[in-house]
N, C-alpha and C. Protein backbone atom coordinates (compact mmCIF):
# COMPACT_ATOMS: atom_id res chain seq x y z
N UNK A 1 8.90 -24.05 5.62
CA UNK A 1 9.57 -23.82 6.91
C UNK A 1 8.76 -22.83 7.72
N UNK A 2 8.56 -23.11 8.98
CA UNK A 2 7.82 -22.23 9.86
C UNK A 2 8.80 -21.53 10.81
N UNK A 3 8.53 -20.28 11.10
CA UNK A 3 9.38 -19.50 11.98
C UNK A 3 8.59 -19.06 13.19
N UNK A 4 9.28 -18.84 14.28
CA UNK A 4 8.63 -18.34 15.48
C UNK A 4 9.41 -17.17 16.03
N UNK A 5 8.72 -16.30 16.74
CA UNK A 5 9.36 -15.17 17.37
C UNK A 5 8.47 -14.69 18.48
N UNK A 6 9.03 -14.52 19.65
CA UNK A 6 8.24 -14.05 20.78
C UNK A 6 7.83 -12.61 20.59
N UNK A 7 6.74 -12.23 21.25
CA UNK A 7 6.30 -10.85 21.17
C UNK A 7 4.88 -10.72 21.62
N UNK A 8 4.40 -9.48 21.66
CA UNK A 8 3.03 -9.22 22.08
C UNK A 8 2.04 -9.72 21.06
N UNK A 9 0.83 -9.92 21.50
CA UNK A 9 -0.20 -10.44 20.61
C UNK A 9 -0.74 -9.39 19.66
N UNK A 10 -0.46 -8.10 19.95
CA UNK A 10 -1.05 -7.04 19.14
C UNK A 10 -0.15 -6.60 17.99
N UNK A 11 1.03 -7.17 17.84
CA UNK A 11 1.96 -6.79 16.80
C UNK A 11 2.35 -8.03 16.01
N UNK A 12 2.31 -7.90 14.69
CA UNK A 12 2.73 -9.00 13.83
C UNK A 12 4.20 -9.32 14.13
N UNK A 13 4.51 -10.59 14.30
CA UNK A 13 5.89 -10.98 14.55
C UNK A 13 6.61 -11.26 13.23
N UNK A 14 7.92 -11.32 13.31
CA UNK A 14 8.71 -11.63 12.12
C UNK A 14 8.33 -13.00 11.58
N UNK A 15 8.16 -13.97 12.47
CA UNK A 15 7.79 -15.31 12.03
C UNK A 15 6.45 -15.34 11.32
N UNK A 16 5.47 -14.64 11.88
CA UNK A 16 4.15 -14.61 11.25
C UNK A 16 4.21 -13.96 9.87
N UNK A 17 4.94 -12.85 9.78
CA UNK A 17 5.05 -12.15 8.50
C UNK A 17 5.78 -13.00 7.47
N UNK A 18 6.84 -13.69 7.88
CA UNK A 18 7.58 -14.55 6.97
C UNK A 18 6.74 -15.74 6.53
N UNK A 19 5.91 -16.25 7.41
CA UNK A 19 5.06 -17.37 7.04
C UNK A 19 4.00 -16.95 6.03
N UNK A 20 3.55 -15.70 6.11
CA UNK A 20 2.58 -15.21 5.14
C UNK A 20 3.21 -15.07 3.76
N UNK A 21 4.36 -14.42 3.71
CA UNK A 21 5.11 -14.26 2.46
C UNK A 21 6.53 -13.82 2.83
N UNK A 22 7.53 -14.67 2.55
CA UNK A 22 8.89 -14.36 2.99
C UNK A 22 9.64 -13.41 2.05
N UNK A 23 9.00 -12.29 1.77
CA UNK A 23 9.60 -11.25 0.94
C UNK A 23 9.48 -9.91 1.65
N UNK A 24 10.55 -9.12 1.61
CA UNK A 24 10.58 -7.81 2.23
C UNK A 24 10.60 -6.74 1.14
N UNK A 25 9.63 -5.83 1.18
CA UNK A 25 9.58 -4.73 0.22
C UNK A 25 10.39 -3.57 0.77
N UNK A 26 11.42 -3.16 0.03
CA UNK A 26 12.31 -2.08 0.47
C UNK A 26 12.06 -0.86 -0.40
N UNK A 27 11.66 0.24 0.24
CA UNK A 27 11.28 1.46 -0.49
C UNK A 27 12.32 2.56 -0.30
N UNK A 28 13.51 2.30 -0.78
CA UNK A 28 14.57 3.31 -0.68
C UNK A 28 14.28 4.48 -1.61
N UNK A 29 14.21 5.68 -1.04
CA UNK A 29 13.95 6.87 -1.84
C UNK A 29 12.49 7.25 -1.94
N UNK A 30 11.60 6.49 -1.32
CA UNK A 30 10.17 6.82 -1.38
C UNK A 30 9.93 8.14 -0.64
N UNK A 31 8.96 8.91 -1.14
CA UNK A 31 8.59 10.17 -0.51
C UNK A 31 7.26 10.00 0.23
N UNK A 32 7.05 10.76 1.28
CA UNK A 32 5.81 10.60 2.06
C UNK A 32 4.54 10.71 1.22
N UNK A 33 4.53 11.58 0.23
CA UNK A 33 3.31 11.78 -0.56
C UNK A 33 2.89 10.53 -1.33
N UNK A 34 3.83 9.63 -1.57
CA UNK A 34 3.54 8.41 -2.33
C UNK A 34 3.69 7.15 -1.50
N UNK A 35 4.10 7.30 -0.25
CA UNK A 35 4.49 6.14 0.55
C UNK A 35 3.38 5.12 0.70
N UNK A 36 2.19 5.55 1.07
CA UNK A 36 1.10 4.60 1.31
C UNK A 36 0.71 3.87 0.03
N UNK A 37 0.66 4.60 -1.09
CA UNK A 37 0.28 3.98 -2.35
C UNK A 37 1.33 2.97 -2.81
N UNK A 38 2.60 3.32 -2.67
CA UNK A 38 3.66 2.40 -3.07
C UNK A 38 3.68 1.17 -2.18
N UNK A 39 3.48 1.37 -0.88
CA UNK A 39 3.42 0.23 0.03
C UNK A 39 2.21 -0.64 -0.28
N UNK A 40 1.11 0.00 -0.64
CA UNK A 40 -0.10 -0.74 -0.98
C UNK A 40 0.07 -1.62 -2.20
N UNK A 41 0.95 -1.22 -3.12
CA UNK A 41 1.19 -2.02 -4.32
C UNK A 41 1.76 -3.38 -3.95
N UNK A 42 2.69 -3.41 -2.99
CA UNK A 42 3.26 -4.70 -2.55
C UNK A 42 2.31 -5.40 -1.59
N UNK A 43 1.68 -4.63 -0.72
CA UNK A 43 0.74 -5.23 0.24
C UNK A 43 -0.36 -5.98 -0.48
N UNK A 44 -0.85 -5.43 -1.57
CA UNK A 44 -1.91 -6.08 -2.33
C UNK A 44 -1.48 -7.40 -2.94
N UNK A 45 -0.16 -7.55 -3.15
CA UNK A 45 0.38 -8.80 -3.71
C UNK A 45 0.69 -9.81 -2.62
N UNK A 46 0.47 -9.42 -1.35
CA UNK A 46 0.68 -10.35 -0.25
C UNK A 46 1.83 -10.02 0.68
N UNK A 47 2.61 -8.99 0.35
CA UNK A 47 3.73 -8.61 1.21
C UNK A 47 3.22 -8.14 2.57
N UNK A 48 3.89 -8.58 3.63
CA UNK A 48 3.54 -8.13 4.96
C UNK A 48 4.76 -7.61 5.73
N UNK A 49 5.87 -7.38 5.02
CA UNK A 49 7.04 -6.74 5.61
C UNK A 49 7.43 -5.58 4.70
N UNK A 50 7.30 -4.36 5.23
CA UNK A 50 7.47 -3.15 4.44
C UNK A 50 8.52 -2.27 5.12
N UNK A 51 9.55 -1.91 4.38
CA UNK A 51 10.71 -1.21 4.95
C UNK A 51 11.00 0.08 4.21
N UNK A 52 11.23 1.15 4.97
CA UNK A 52 11.65 2.43 4.41
C UNK A 52 13.07 2.73 4.92
N UNK A 53 14.08 2.66 4.08
CA UNK A 53 15.43 3.00 4.52
C UNK A 53 15.50 4.46 4.98
N UNK A 54 16.31 4.70 6.00
CA UNK A 54 16.37 6.04 6.59
C UNK A 54 17.11 7.05 5.75
N UNK A 55 17.74 6.62 4.65
CA UNK A 55 18.33 7.58 3.74
C UNK A 55 17.35 7.95 2.62
N UNK A 56 16.06 7.83 2.91
CA UNK A 56 14.99 8.29 2.04
C UNK A 56 14.52 9.67 2.52
N UNK A 57 13.80 10.42 1.68
CA UNK A 57 13.29 11.72 2.12
C UNK A 57 12.25 11.56 3.24
N UNK A 58 12.41 12.30 4.34
CA UNK A 58 11.45 12.29 5.46
C UNK A 58 11.00 10.86 5.79
N UNK A 59 11.94 9.97 6.09
CA UNK A 59 11.59 8.55 6.24
C UNK A 59 10.65 8.26 7.40
N UNK A 60 10.77 9.00 8.50
CA UNK A 60 9.92 8.71 9.64
C UNK A 60 8.46 9.03 9.34
N UNK A 61 8.23 10.05 8.53
CA UNK A 61 6.86 10.36 8.13
C UNK A 61 6.31 9.26 7.22
N UNK A 62 7.13 8.76 6.31
CA UNK A 62 6.69 7.66 5.45
C UNK A 62 6.37 6.42 6.27
N UNK A 63 7.22 6.13 7.25
CA UNK A 63 6.97 4.98 8.12
C UNK A 63 5.66 5.16 8.86
N UNK A 64 5.42 6.36 9.37
CA UNK A 64 4.17 6.62 10.09
C UNK A 64 2.96 6.40 9.19
N UNK A 65 3.03 6.92 7.97
CA UNK A 65 1.91 6.79 7.04
C UNK A 65 1.66 5.34 6.65
N UNK A 66 2.73 4.59 6.39
CA UNK A 66 2.58 3.19 5.99
C UNK A 66 2.06 2.35 7.16
N UNK A 67 2.61 2.59 8.35
CA UNK A 67 2.17 1.83 9.52
C UNK A 67 0.70 2.10 9.83
N UNK A 68 0.26 3.33 9.61
CA UNK A 68 -1.14 3.67 9.84
C UNK A 68 -2.04 3.02 8.80
N UNK A 69 -1.58 3.02 7.55
CA UNK A 69 -2.39 2.47 6.46
C UNK A 69 -2.48 0.95 6.49
N UNK A 70 -1.43 0.30 6.99
CA UNK A 70 -1.36 -1.17 6.94
C UNK A 70 -1.02 -1.75 8.31
N UNK A 71 -1.97 -1.68 9.24
CA UNK A 71 -1.70 -2.19 10.59
C UNK A 71 -1.50 -3.69 10.65
N UNK A 72 -1.85 -4.40 9.57
CA UNK A 72 -1.66 -5.86 9.55
C UNK A 72 -0.29 -6.25 9.02
N UNK A 73 0.57 -5.25 8.77
CA UNK A 73 1.91 -5.52 8.24
C UNK A 73 2.98 -5.16 9.26
N UNK A 74 4.16 -5.72 9.07
CA UNK A 74 5.33 -5.38 9.86
C UNK A 74 6.03 -4.24 9.11
N UNK A 75 6.01 -3.05 9.70
CA UNK A 75 6.50 -1.85 9.03
C UNK A 75 7.65 -1.25 9.83
N UNK A 76 8.69 -0.84 9.13
CA UNK A 76 9.80 -0.25 9.86
C UNK A 76 10.83 0.37 8.97
N UNK A 77 12.05 0.43 9.48
CA UNK A 77 13.12 1.18 8.83
C UNK A 77 14.29 0.31 8.46
N UNK A 78 14.92 0.67 7.35
CA UNK A 78 16.19 0.09 6.97
C UNK A 78 17.28 1.15 7.08
N UNK A 79 18.52 0.72 6.91
CA UNK A 79 19.67 1.63 7.01
C UNK A 79 19.63 2.39 8.33
N UNK A 80 19.33 1.68 9.40
CA UNK A 80 19.33 2.28 10.74
C UNK A 80 20.77 2.30 11.25
N UNK A 81 21.25 3.49 11.58
CA UNK A 81 22.68 3.64 11.89
C UNK A 81 22.98 4.03 13.33
N UNK A 82 21.98 4.47 14.09
CA UNK A 82 22.22 4.88 15.47
C UNK A 82 21.09 4.41 16.37
N UNK A 83 21.37 4.36 17.67
CA UNK A 83 20.33 4.03 18.63
C UNK A 83 19.25 5.10 18.66
N UNK A 84 19.63 6.34 18.39
CA UNK A 84 18.63 7.41 18.31
C UNK A 84 17.64 7.19 17.19
N UNK A 85 18.11 6.64 16.07
CA UNK A 85 17.21 6.30 14.97
C UNK A 85 16.15 5.30 15.43
N UNK A 86 16.56 4.36 16.27
CA UNK A 86 15.63 3.34 16.77
C UNK A 86 14.49 4.02 17.53
N UNK A 87 14.83 4.97 18.38
CA UNK A 87 13.80 5.69 19.14
C UNK A 87 12.84 6.41 18.20
N UNK A 88 13.37 7.01 17.14
CA UNK A 88 12.53 7.75 16.20
C UNK A 88 11.61 6.81 15.41
N UNK A 89 12.10 5.64 15.07
CA UNK A 89 11.26 4.66 14.37
C UNK A 89 10.12 4.22 15.28
N UNK A 90 10.44 3.95 16.53
CA UNK A 90 9.40 3.54 17.48
C UNK A 90 8.36 4.64 17.64
N UNK A 91 8.81 5.89 17.71
CA UNK A 91 7.89 7.02 17.87
C UNK A 91 6.98 7.18 16.65
N UNK A 92 7.47 6.77 15.48
CA UNK A 92 6.68 6.86 14.25
C UNK A 92 5.71 5.70 14.08
N UNK A 93 5.76 4.75 15.00
CA UNK A 93 4.87 3.60 14.91
C UNK A 93 5.47 2.40 14.22
N UNK A 94 6.76 2.47 13.91
CA UNK A 94 7.42 1.33 13.28
C UNK A 94 7.68 0.21 14.28
N UNK A 95 7.76 -1.00 13.78
CA UNK A 95 8.01 -2.15 14.65
C UNK A 95 9.20 -2.98 14.18
N UNK A 96 9.91 -2.51 13.16
CA UNK A 96 11.00 -3.28 12.56
C UNK A 96 12.23 -2.40 12.37
N UNK A 97 13.39 -2.93 12.76
CA UNK A 97 14.66 -2.25 12.55
C UNK A 97 15.55 -3.16 11.70
N UNK A 98 15.99 -2.63 10.56
CA UNK A 98 16.88 -3.37 9.66
C UNK A 98 18.13 -2.52 9.46
N UNK A 99 19.28 -3.16 9.46
CA UNK A 99 20.55 -2.47 9.35
C UNK A 99 21.42 -3.10 8.28
N UNK A 100 22.35 -2.33 7.70
CA UNK A 100 23.28 -2.94 6.73
C UNK A 100 24.44 -3.63 7.41
N UNK A 101 24.55 -3.47 8.73
CA UNK A 101 25.69 -3.97 9.48
C UNK A 101 25.19 -4.62 10.77
N UNK A 102 26.14 -5.07 11.58
CA UNK A 102 25.78 -5.82 12.79
C UNK A 102 26.21 -5.06 14.04
N UNK A 103 25.75 -3.82 14.18
CA UNK A 103 26.06 -3.01 15.35
C UNK A 103 25.22 -3.51 16.51
N UNK A 104 25.86 -4.14 17.48
CA UNK A 104 25.11 -4.75 18.58
C UNK A 104 24.45 -3.72 19.48
N UNK A 105 24.98 -2.50 19.51
CA UNK A 105 24.32 -1.43 20.29
C UNK A 105 22.93 -1.13 19.72
N UNK A 106 22.85 -1.11 18.40
CA UNK A 106 21.55 -0.85 17.76
C UNK A 106 20.61 -2.02 17.98
N UNK A 107 21.13 -3.24 17.91
CA UNK A 107 20.29 -4.41 18.18
C UNK A 107 19.71 -4.32 19.58
N UNK A 108 20.54 -4.01 20.55
CA UNK A 108 20.06 -3.92 21.93
C UNK A 108 19.06 -2.78 22.10
N UNK A 109 19.29 -1.66 21.41
CA UNK A 109 18.35 -0.54 21.48
C UNK A 109 16.99 -0.95 20.90
N UNK A 110 17.01 -1.68 19.81
CA UNK A 110 15.76 -2.15 19.21
C UNK A 110 15.00 -3.05 20.16
N UNK A 111 15.70 -3.98 20.79
CA UNK A 111 15.03 -4.90 21.71
C UNK A 111 14.53 -4.18 22.95
N UNK A 112 15.27 -3.16 23.40
CA UNK A 112 14.83 -2.37 24.56
C UNK A 112 13.54 -1.62 24.24
N UNK A 113 13.33 -1.29 22.96
CA UNK A 113 12.11 -0.62 22.52
C UNK A 113 11.00 -1.60 22.16
N UNK A 114 11.28 -2.89 22.28
CA UNK A 114 10.29 -3.90 21.93
C UNK A 114 10.12 -4.09 20.44
N UNK A 115 11.14 -3.74 19.66
CA UNK A 115 11.06 -3.83 18.20
C UNK A 115 11.78 -5.08 17.70
N UNK A 116 11.38 -5.53 16.53
CA UNK A 116 12.04 -6.64 15.85
C UNK A 116 13.29 -6.09 15.16
N UNK A 117 14.38 -6.83 15.22
CA UNK A 117 15.64 -6.34 14.65
C UNK A 117 16.26 -7.39 13.74
N UNK A 118 16.61 -6.96 12.53
CA UNK A 118 17.27 -7.82 11.54
C UNK A 118 18.52 -7.10 11.05
N UNK A 119 19.66 -7.33 11.69
CA UNK A 119 20.90 -6.68 11.28
C UNK A 119 21.52 -7.35 10.07
N UNK A 120 22.34 -6.58 9.36
CA UNK A 120 23.05 -7.12 8.23
C UNK A 120 24.33 -7.82 8.67
N UNK A 121 24.57 -8.99 8.10
CA UNK A 121 25.77 -9.75 8.44
C UNK A 121 26.40 -10.30 7.16
N UNK A 122 27.74 -10.38 7.19
CA UNK A 122 28.47 -10.93 6.05
C UNK A 122 29.39 -12.07 6.45
N UNK A 123 29.45 -12.35 7.76
CA UNK A 123 30.30 -13.44 8.25
C UNK A 123 29.59 -14.14 9.41
N UNK A 124 29.96 -15.38 9.71
CA UNK A 124 29.40 -16.05 10.87
C UNK A 124 29.72 -15.33 12.18
N UNK A 125 30.88 -14.70 12.27
CA UNK A 125 31.23 -13.96 13.49
C UNK A 125 30.22 -12.86 13.74
N UNK A 126 29.91 -12.10 12.70
CA UNK A 126 28.90 -11.04 12.83
C UNK A 126 27.53 -11.63 13.17
N UNK A 127 27.21 -12.73 12.53
CA UNK A 127 25.91 -13.35 12.75
C UNK A 127 25.72 -13.76 14.21
N UNK A 128 26.71 -14.43 14.77
CA UNK A 128 26.56 -14.90 16.15
C UNK A 128 26.62 -13.76 17.16
N UNK A 129 27.39 -12.72 16.87
CA UNK A 129 27.41 -11.55 17.76
C UNK A 129 26.04 -10.87 17.75
N UNK A 130 25.43 -10.76 16.57
CA UNK A 130 24.11 -10.14 16.46
C UNK A 130 23.06 -10.96 17.19
N UNK A 131 23.11 -12.27 17.04
CA UNK A 131 22.15 -13.13 17.71
C UNK A 131 22.32 -13.06 19.22
N UNK A 132 23.55 -12.99 19.69
CA UNK A 132 23.80 -12.89 21.12
C UNK A 132 23.23 -11.59 21.69
N UNK A 133 23.18 -10.55 20.86
CA UNK A 133 22.64 -9.25 21.29
C UNK A 133 21.12 -9.22 21.23
N UNK A 134 20.51 -10.24 20.62
CA UNK A 134 19.05 -10.30 20.58
C UNK A 134 18.41 -10.22 19.22
N UNK A 135 19.20 -10.27 18.15
CA UNK A 135 18.64 -10.17 16.80
C UNK A 135 17.61 -11.26 16.55
N UNK A 136 16.55 -10.89 15.81
CA UNK A 136 15.46 -11.82 15.50
C UNK A 136 15.67 -12.57 14.20
N UNK A 137 16.46 -12.00 13.32
CA UNK A 137 16.76 -12.61 12.03
C UNK A 137 18.06 -12.00 11.52
N UNK A 138 18.53 -12.50 10.39
CA UNK A 138 19.79 -12.04 9.82
C UNK A 138 19.59 -11.62 8.37
N UNK A 139 20.01 -10.40 8.08
CA UNK A 139 20.02 -9.90 6.71
C UNK A 139 21.36 -10.30 6.08
N UNK A 140 21.33 -11.21 5.15
CA UNK A 140 22.55 -11.70 4.48
C UNK A 140 22.91 -10.67 3.42
N UNK A 141 23.92 -9.85 3.72
CA UNK A 141 24.16 -8.65 2.90
C UNK A 141 25.65 -8.37 2.75
N UNK A 142 26.05 -8.02 1.50
CA UNK A 142 25.25 -7.99 0.27
C UNK A 142 25.19 -9.38 -0.38
N UNK A 143 24.03 -9.76 -0.82
CA UNK A 143 23.84 -11.10 -1.34
C UNK A 143 24.69 -11.37 -2.57
N UNK A 144 25.02 -10.32 -3.33
CA UNK A 144 25.88 -10.53 -4.51
C UNK A 144 27.20 -11.18 -4.13
N UNK A 145 27.68 -10.90 -2.91
CA UNK A 145 28.96 -11.44 -2.48
C UNK A 145 28.83 -12.65 -1.57
N UNK A 146 27.60 -13.10 -1.35
CA UNK A 146 27.36 -14.24 -0.46
C UNK A 146 26.48 -15.23 -1.21
N UNK A 147 27.05 -16.07 -2.02
CA UNK A 147 26.29 -16.99 -2.87
C UNK A 147 25.65 -18.11 -2.06
N UNK A 148 24.77 -18.89 -2.68
CA UNK A 148 24.10 -19.98 -1.98
C UNK A 148 25.05 -20.94 -1.27
N UNK A 149 26.20 -21.21 -1.84
CA UNK A 149 27.13 -22.14 -1.19
C UNK A 149 27.56 -21.64 0.19
N UNK A 150 27.72 -20.33 0.32
CA UNK A 150 28.09 -19.75 1.61
C UNK A 150 26.91 -19.84 2.58
N UNK A 151 25.72 -19.52 2.09
CA UNK A 151 24.53 -19.62 2.93
C UNK A 151 24.35 -21.06 3.42
N UNK A 152 24.63 -22.02 2.57
CA UNK A 152 24.52 -23.43 2.97
C UNK A 152 25.48 -23.74 4.11
N UNK A 153 26.70 -23.23 4.03
CA UNK A 153 27.67 -23.45 5.10
C UNK A 153 27.21 -22.80 6.40
N UNK A 154 26.65 -21.59 6.31
CA UNK A 154 26.12 -20.92 7.49
C UNK A 154 24.98 -21.72 8.11
N UNK A 155 24.13 -22.27 7.27
CA UNK A 155 22.93 -22.95 7.77
C UNK A 155 23.27 -24.19 8.60
N UNK A 156 24.50 -24.67 8.47
CA UNK A 156 24.91 -25.83 9.26
C UNK A 156 25.17 -25.47 10.71
N UNK A 157 25.37 -24.16 10.98
CA UNK A 157 25.71 -23.76 12.35
C UNK A 157 24.75 -22.73 12.95
N UNK A 158 24.10 -21.94 12.12
CA UNK A 158 23.14 -20.96 12.63
C UNK A 158 21.85 -21.68 12.99
N UNK A 159 21.26 -21.40 14.15
CA UNK A 159 20.04 -22.10 14.56
C UNK A 159 18.96 -22.07 13.49
N UNK A 160 18.31 -23.21 13.30
CA UNK A 160 17.35 -23.36 12.20
C UNK A 160 16.17 -22.41 12.31
N UNK A 161 15.85 -21.96 13.53
CA UNK A 161 14.69 -21.09 13.69
C UNK A 161 14.99 -19.64 13.32
N UNK A 162 16.24 -19.31 13.05
CA UNK A 162 16.62 -17.93 12.74
C UNK A 162 16.47 -17.67 11.24
N UNK A 163 15.62 -16.76 10.83
CA UNK A 163 15.50 -16.45 9.40
C UNK A 163 16.77 -15.83 8.85
N UNK A 164 17.22 -16.33 7.72
CA UNK A 164 18.34 -15.74 6.99
C UNK A 164 17.77 -15.19 5.68
N UNK A 165 17.93 -13.88 5.47
CA UNK A 165 17.26 -13.19 4.38
C UNK A 165 18.28 -12.51 3.48
N UNK A 166 18.63 -13.10 2.33
CA UNK A 166 19.54 -12.44 1.40
C UNK A 166 18.94 -11.14 0.86
N UNK A 167 19.77 -10.10 0.83
CA UNK A 167 19.37 -8.79 0.33
C UNK A 167 20.51 -8.22 -0.50
N UNK A 168 20.17 -7.63 -1.64
CA UNK A 168 21.18 -7.01 -2.48
C UNK A 168 21.31 -7.74 -3.80
N UNK A 169 20.79 -7.15 -4.85
CA UNK A 169 20.88 -7.77 -6.16
C UNK A 169 19.91 -8.90 -6.42
N UNK A 170 18.89 -9.03 -5.58
CA UNK A 170 17.89 -10.09 -5.78
C UNK A 170 16.88 -9.63 -6.83
N UNK A 171 16.69 -10.44 -7.86
CA UNK A 171 15.66 -10.14 -8.85
C UNK A 171 14.70 -11.32 -8.96
N UNK A 172 13.68 -11.15 -9.79
CA UNK A 172 12.62 -12.16 -9.88
C UNK A 172 13.06 -13.33 -10.74
N UNK A 173 14.06 -14.02 -10.28
CA UNK A 173 14.62 -15.18 -10.98
C UNK A 173 14.37 -16.41 -10.12
N UNK A 174 13.42 -17.23 -10.52
CA UNK A 174 13.03 -18.38 -9.71
C UNK A 174 14.18 -19.35 -9.50
N UNK A 175 15.02 -19.53 -10.50
CA UNK A 175 16.13 -20.47 -10.38
C UNK A 175 17.13 -20.01 -9.31
N UNK A 176 17.46 -18.72 -9.32
CA UNK A 176 18.39 -18.19 -8.31
C UNK A 176 17.76 -18.23 -6.92
N UNK A 177 16.48 -17.88 -6.86
CA UNK A 177 15.79 -17.95 -5.57
C UNK A 177 15.78 -19.37 -5.04
N UNK A 178 15.52 -20.32 -5.91
CA UNK A 178 15.48 -21.73 -5.49
C UNK A 178 16.82 -22.18 -4.94
N UNK A 179 17.91 -21.71 -5.54
CA UNK A 179 19.25 -22.09 -5.07
C UNK A 179 19.48 -21.57 -3.65
N UNK A 180 19.07 -20.35 -3.38
CA UNK A 180 19.21 -19.80 -2.03
C UNK A 180 18.32 -20.53 -1.03
N UNK A 181 17.08 -20.81 -1.43
CA UNK A 181 16.17 -21.50 -0.52
C UNK A 181 16.69 -22.89 -0.20
N UNK A 182 17.20 -23.58 -1.21
CA UNK A 182 17.74 -24.92 -0.98
C UNK A 182 18.95 -24.89 -0.06
N UNK A 183 19.67 -23.77 -0.07
CA UNK A 183 20.86 -23.63 0.77
C UNK A 183 20.52 -23.27 2.21
N UNK A 184 19.27 -22.86 2.45
CA UNK A 184 18.88 -22.52 3.82
C UNK A 184 18.36 -21.12 4.01
N UNK A 185 18.31 -20.32 2.94
CA UNK A 185 17.73 -18.98 3.06
C UNK A 185 16.24 -19.09 3.35
N UNK A 186 15.73 -18.09 4.05
CA UNK A 186 14.33 -18.12 4.48
C UNK A 186 13.42 -17.26 3.61
N UNK A 187 13.98 -16.29 2.94
CA UNK A 187 13.21 -15.35 2.13
C UNK A 187 14.17 -14.34 1.53
N UNK A 188 13.64 -13.22 1.05
CA UNK A 188 14.47 -12.27 0.33
C UNK A 188 14.03 -10.84 0.60
N UNK A 189 15.01 -9.94 0.62
CA UNK A 189 14.72 -8.51 0.66
C UNK A 189 14.87 -7.95 -0.74
N UNK A 190 13.89 -7.15 -1.17
CA UNK A 190 13.82 -6.69 -2.55
C UNK A 190 13.93 -5.17 -2.61
N UNK A 191 14.96 -4.70 -3.30
CA UNK A 191 15.20 -3.28 -3.38
C UNK A 191 14.79 -2.68 -4.71
N UNK A 192 15.78 -2.25 -5.50
CA UNK A 192 15.48 -1.49 -6.71
C UNK A 192 14.75 -2.30 -7.78
N UNK A 193 14.81 -3.61 -7.72
CA UNK A 193 14.05 -4.41 -8.68
C UNK A 193 12.55 -4.38 -8.37
N UNK A 194 12.20 -3.95 -7.18
CA UNK A 194 10.80 -3.79 -6.80
C UNK A 194 10.38 -2.34 -6.90
N UNK A 195 11.15 -1.45 -6.26
CA UNK A 195 10.82 -0.03 -6.25
C UNK A 195 12.09 0.80 -6.39
N UNK A 196 11.99 1.86 -7.16
CA UNK A 196 13.03 2.89 -7.19
C UNK A 196 12.34 4.22 -7.48
N UNK A 197 12.91 5.32 -7.05
CA UNK A 197 12.26 6.61 -7.25
C UNK A 197 11.90 6.86 -8.71
N UNK A 198 10.69 7.36 -8.91
CA UNK A 198 10.22 7.68 -10.25
C UNK A 198 9.37 6.61 -10.89
N UNK A 199 9.35 5.41 -10.31
CA UNK A 199 8.54 4.33 -10.87
C UNK A 199 7.08 4.56 -10.51
N UNK A 200 6.18 4.04 -11.33
CA UNK A 200 4.74 4.21 -11.07
C UNK A 200 4.24 3.14 -10.11
N UNK A 201 3.11 3.43 -9.49
CA UNK A 201 2.47 2.45 -8.62
C UNK A 201 2.14 1.19 -9.42
N UNK A 202 1.64 1.38 -10.65
CA UNK A 202 1.28 0.23 -11.48
C UNK A 202 2.49 -0.67 -11.74
N UNK A 203 3.66 -0.05 -11.93
CA UNK A 203 4.86 -0.86 -12.17
C UNK A 203 5.27 -1.61 -10.91
N UNK A 204 5.11 -0.98 -9.75
CA UNK A 204 5.43 -1.68 -8.50
C UNK A 204 4.49 -2.86 -8.30
N UNK A 205 3.23 -2.69 -8.67
CA UNK A 205 2.28 -3.81 -8.61
C UNK A 205 2.79 -4.96 -9.47
N UNK A 206 3.19 -4.65 -10.71
CA UNK A 206 3.68 -5.69 -11.61
C UNK A 206 4.95 -6.33 -11.06
N UNK A 207 5.86 -5.50 -10.54
CA UNK A 207 7.10 -6.04 -9.98
C UNK A 207 6.81 -6.97 -8.80
N UNK A 208 5.91 -6.53 -7.93
CA UNK A 208 5.57 -7.33 -6.75
C UNK A 208 4.98 -8.67 -7.16
N UNK A 209 4.08 -8.63 -8.11
CA UNK A 209 3.46 -9.87 -8.57
C UNK A 209 4.48 -10.80 -9.22
N UNK A 210 5.44 -10.22 -9.94
CA UNK A 210 6.50 -11.03 -10.56
C UNK A 210 7.35 -11.71 -9.50
N UNK A 211 7.66 -10.99 -8.43
CA UNK A 211 8.45 -11.59 -7.36
C UNK A 211 7.69 -12.70 -6.65
N UNK A 212 6.41 -12.49 -6.42
CA UNK A 212 5.62 -13.53 -5.77
C UNK A 212 5.56 -14.77 -6.65
N UNK A 213 5.37 -14.59 -7.95
CA UNK A 213 5.32 -15.72 -8.87
C UNK A 213 6.67 -16.47 -8.89
N UNK A 214 7.76 -15.70 -8.90
CA UNK A 214 9.09 -16.34 -8.91
C UNK A 214 9.33 -17.10 -7.61
N UNK A 215 8.91 -16.52 -6.50
CA UNK A 215 9.08 -17.21 -5.22
C UNK A 215 8.28 -18.51 -5.20
N UNK A 216 7.04 -18.47 -5.63
CA UNK A 216 6.21 -19.67 -5.63
C UNK A 216 6.82 -20.75 -6.53
N UNK A 217 7.36 -20.34 -7.67
CA UNK A 217 8.02 -21.31 -8.55
C UNK A 217 9.27 -21.88 -7.88
N UNK A 218 10.00 -21.02 -7.16
CA UNK A 218 11.21 -21.49 -6.48
C UNK A 218 10.89 -22.45 -5.35
N UNK A 219 9.75 -22.25 -4.70
CA UNK A 219 9.34 -23.09 -3.59
C UNK A 219 8.78 -24.43 -4.06
N UNK A 220 8.35 -24.48 -5.32
CA UNK A 220 7.68 -25.69 -5.84
C UNK A 220 8.67 -26.86 -5.97
């Protein structure tokens, strides 16, 4: 499946990043001193969407460091809770806003800053409100409570060009990934199964490679 998203030629779009590898690396709890190395572990495996949740230590500094180190990636923030956070992400060089909820004020703030926005949604009502506000994709969250059958029902009404990305409890299980993809999911956001505080860079490399292998098997 190919995705498209309007935007400037100098910034990787959501569609381009998803076409390269439809996996999002989520670095909740990462510290600035390790941010670039941890991001590099996933980047080396092909990841081009790198997210630092704002409830991490000094998240804007980590975003700045990762965005500087990997200009060919879509780098930004997760757990964005206010429009002011959007301004701070933009100032740090981030180009992506991800939220656990569908606050349309934040979506509009992201678009006003020229940023890509992927809000979290758990119902079709939230999904369509977010899209009406300008959302570029939908974070299907929490995925533990939104099984493939629900995603399949959503895919019958949500425009086909809109990426739907399950997040929450996703592990490197090709069979489960395949079920979501067959239902209409576009890719996956990966949290603690990829990175958690205290893990080594080498382990993140192994985790990233395992996820890529599982995705390729699921796509086959």
